[in-house]
Amino acid sequence: MTREELITRIEETRRKLNQSIDQREKYEVIYRHSVELDGLIEQYIVSGF
């Protein structure tokens, strides 16, 4: 995955997380988005971008 693709996925996932929080969705949904975002950020860091 390129740097740009990874950044795009991070931004999309962050938007999903924020939206699920704003809409007061179930904890499981918020948690899933949060874990996905954490994984993408970790991937970005490990890649050395």
N, C-alpha and C. Protein backbone atom coordinates (compact mmCIF):
# COMPACT_ATOMS: atom_id res chain seq x y z
N MET A 1 0.84 -1.17 0.00
CA MET A 1 0.00 0.00 0.00
C MET A 1 0.90 1.24 0.00
N THR A 2 0.54 2.19 -0.84
CA THR A 2 1.33 3.41 -0.90
C THR A 2 1.00 4.32 0.28
N ARG A 3 1.86 5.29 0.49
CA ARG A 3 1.67 6.25 1.58
C ARG A 3 0.33 6.97 1.42
N GLU A 4 0.02 7.38 0.20
CA GLU A 4 -1.21 8.12 -0.06
C GLU A 4 -2.44 7.25 0.21
N GLU A 5 -2.37 5.99 -0.20
CA GLU A 5 -3.49 5.08 0.04
C GLU A 5 -3.72 4.87 1.53
N LEU A 6 -2.64 4.72 2.25
CA LEU A 6 -2.73 4.52 3.70
C LEU A 6 -3.30 5.76 4.38
N ILE A 7 -2.86 6.92 3.98
CA ILE A 7 -3.39 8.16 4.55
C ILE A 7 -4.88 8.28 4.26
N THR A 8 -5.28 7.95 3.06
CA THR A 8 -6.70 8.00 2.68
C THR A 8 -7.51 7.06 3.55
N ARG A 9 -7.02 5.84 3.76
CA ARG A 9 -7.74 4.88 4.61
C ARG A 9 -7.81 5.35 6.05
N ILE A 10 -6.74 5.96 6.55
CA ILE A 10 -6.75 6.50 7.91
C ILE A 10 -7.80 7.59 8.04
N GLU A 11 -7.84 8.50 7.07
CA GLU A 11 -8.82 9.59 7.11
C GLU A 11 -10.25 9.07 7.03
N GLU A 12 -10.49 8.10 6.16
CA GLU A 12 -11.84 7.52 6.02
C GLU A 12 -12.27 6.84 7.32
N THR A 13 -11.36 6.09 7.91
CA THR A 13 -11.68 5.38 9.14
C THR A 13 -11.89 6.35 10.29
N ARG A 14 -11.11 7.41 10.33
CA ARG A 14 -11.30 8.44 11.36
C ARG A 14 -12.67 9.08 11.24
N ARG A 15 -13.10 9.36 9.99
CA ARG A 15 -14.43 9.92 9.77
C ARG A 15 -15.52 8.96 10.24
N LYS A 16 -15.35 7.67 9.94
CA LYS A 16 -16.32 6.66 10.38
C LYS A 16 -16.39 6.63 11.91
N LEU A 17 -15.24 6.66 12.55
CA LEU A 17 -15.20 6.64 14.02
C LEU A 17 -15.90 7.87 14.58
N ASN A 18 -15.55 9.04 14.09
CA ASN A 18 -16.17 10.27 14.58
C ASN A 18 -17.69 10.26 14.36
N GLN A 19 -18.11 9.77 13.21
CA GLN A 19 -19.53 9.72 12.90
C GLN A 19 -20.25 8.75 13.85
N SER A 20 -19.64 7.61 14.11
CA SER A 20 -20.28 6.64 14.99
C SER A 20 -20.37 7.18 16.41
N ILE A 21 -19.38 7.95 16.84
CA ILE A 21 -19.43 8.59 18.16
C ILE A 21 -20.52 9.65 18.19
N ASP A 22 -20.56 10.50 17.16
CA ASP A 22 -21.56 11.57 17.09
C ASP A 22 -22.98 11.02 17.07
N GLN A 23 -23.16 9.88 16.41
CA GLN A 23 -24.49 9.27 16.30
C GLN A 23 -24.81 8.35 17.47
N ARG A 24 -23.88 8.28 18.42
CA ARG A 24 -24.06 7.47 19.62
C ARG A 24 -24.40 6.02 19.29
N GLU A 25 -23.63 5.48 18.35
CA GLU A 25 -23.84 4.08 17.98
C GLU A 25 -23.40 3.18 19.13
N LYS A 26 -23.68 1.91 18.98
CA LYS A 26 -23.33 0.93 20.01
C LYS A 26 -21.83 0.92 20.24
N TYR A 27 -21.48 0.56 21.46
CA TYR A 27 -20.07 0.50 21.86
C TYR A 27 -19.27 -0.39 20.92
N GLU A 28 -19.83 -1.52 20.51
CA GLU A 28 -19.12 -2.46 19.65
C GLU A 28 -18.72 -1.83 18.32
N VAL A 29 -19.59 -1.00 17.77
CA VAL A 29 -19.32 -0.34 16.49
C VAL A 29 -18.19 0.69 16.67
N ILE A 30 -18.31 1.49 17.71
CA ILE A 30 -17.28 2.49 17.99
C ILE A 30 -15.94 1.81 18.23
N TYR A 31 -15.96 0.75 19.01
CA TYR A 31 -14.73 0.03 19.32
C TYR A 31 -14.09 -0.55 18.06
N ARG A 32 -14.90 -1.12 17.19
CA ARG A 32 -14.38 -1.70 15.94
C ARG A 32 -13.69 -0.64 15.09
N HIS A 33 -14.31 0.53 14.96
CA HIS A 33 -13.70 1.61 14.19
C HIS A 33 -12.40 2.08 14.85
N SER A 34 -12.41 2.15 16.17
CA SER A 34 -11.24 2.58 16.90
C SER A 34 -10.07 1.62 16.71
N VAL A 35 -10.35 0.33 16.80
CA VAL A 35 -9.30 -0.68 16.62
C VAL A 35 -8.76 -0.64 15.19
N GLU A 36 -9.66 -0.47 14.23
CA GLU A 36 -9.23 -0.39 12.82
C GLU A 36 -8.33 0.83 12.62
N LEU A 37 -8.71 1.96 13.18
CA LEU A 37 -7.90 3.17 13.05
C LEU A 37 -6.54 2.98 13.71
N ASP A 38 -6.52 2.40 14.89
CA ASP A 38 -5.24 2.15 15.57
C ASP A 38 -4.33 1.28 14.72
N GLY A 39 -4.89 0.25 14.09
CA GLY A 39 -4.10 -0.64 13.24
C GLY A 39 -3.52 0.09 12.04
N LEU A 40 -4.30 0.95 11.43
CA LEU A 40 -3.81 1.71 10.28
C LEU A 40 -2.72 2.69 10.68
N ILE A 41 -2.90 3.34 11.83
CA ILE A 41 -1.88 4.27 12.31
C ILE A 41 -0.60 3.52 12.63
N GLU A 42 -0.73 2.36 13.24
CA GLU A 42 0.45 1.54 13.53
C GLU A 42 1.17 1.14 12.25
N GLN A 43 0.39 0.75 11.25
CA GLN A 43 0.96 0.38 9.95
C GLN A 43 1.72 1.57 9.34
N TYR A 44 1.18 2.76 9.47
CA TYR A 44 1.81 3.97 8.95
C TYR A 44 3.15 4.20 9.66
N ILE A 45 3.14 4.06 10.97
CA ILE A 45 4.37 4.29 11.75
C ILE A 45 5.43 3.25 11.42
N VAL A 46 5.03 2.00 11.37
CA VAL A 46 5.97 0.91 11.10
C VAL A 46 6.58 1.04 9.69
N SER A 47 5.78 1.57 8.77
CA SER A 47 6.25 1.73 7.40
C SER A 47 7.30 2.83 7.27
N GLY A 48 7.40 3.67 8.29
CA GLY A 48 8.41 4.72 8.29
C GLY A 48 8.06 5.92 7.45
N PHE A 49 6.77 6.12 7.21
CA PHE A 49 6.35 7.28 6.40
C PHE A 49 6.48 8.55 7.17
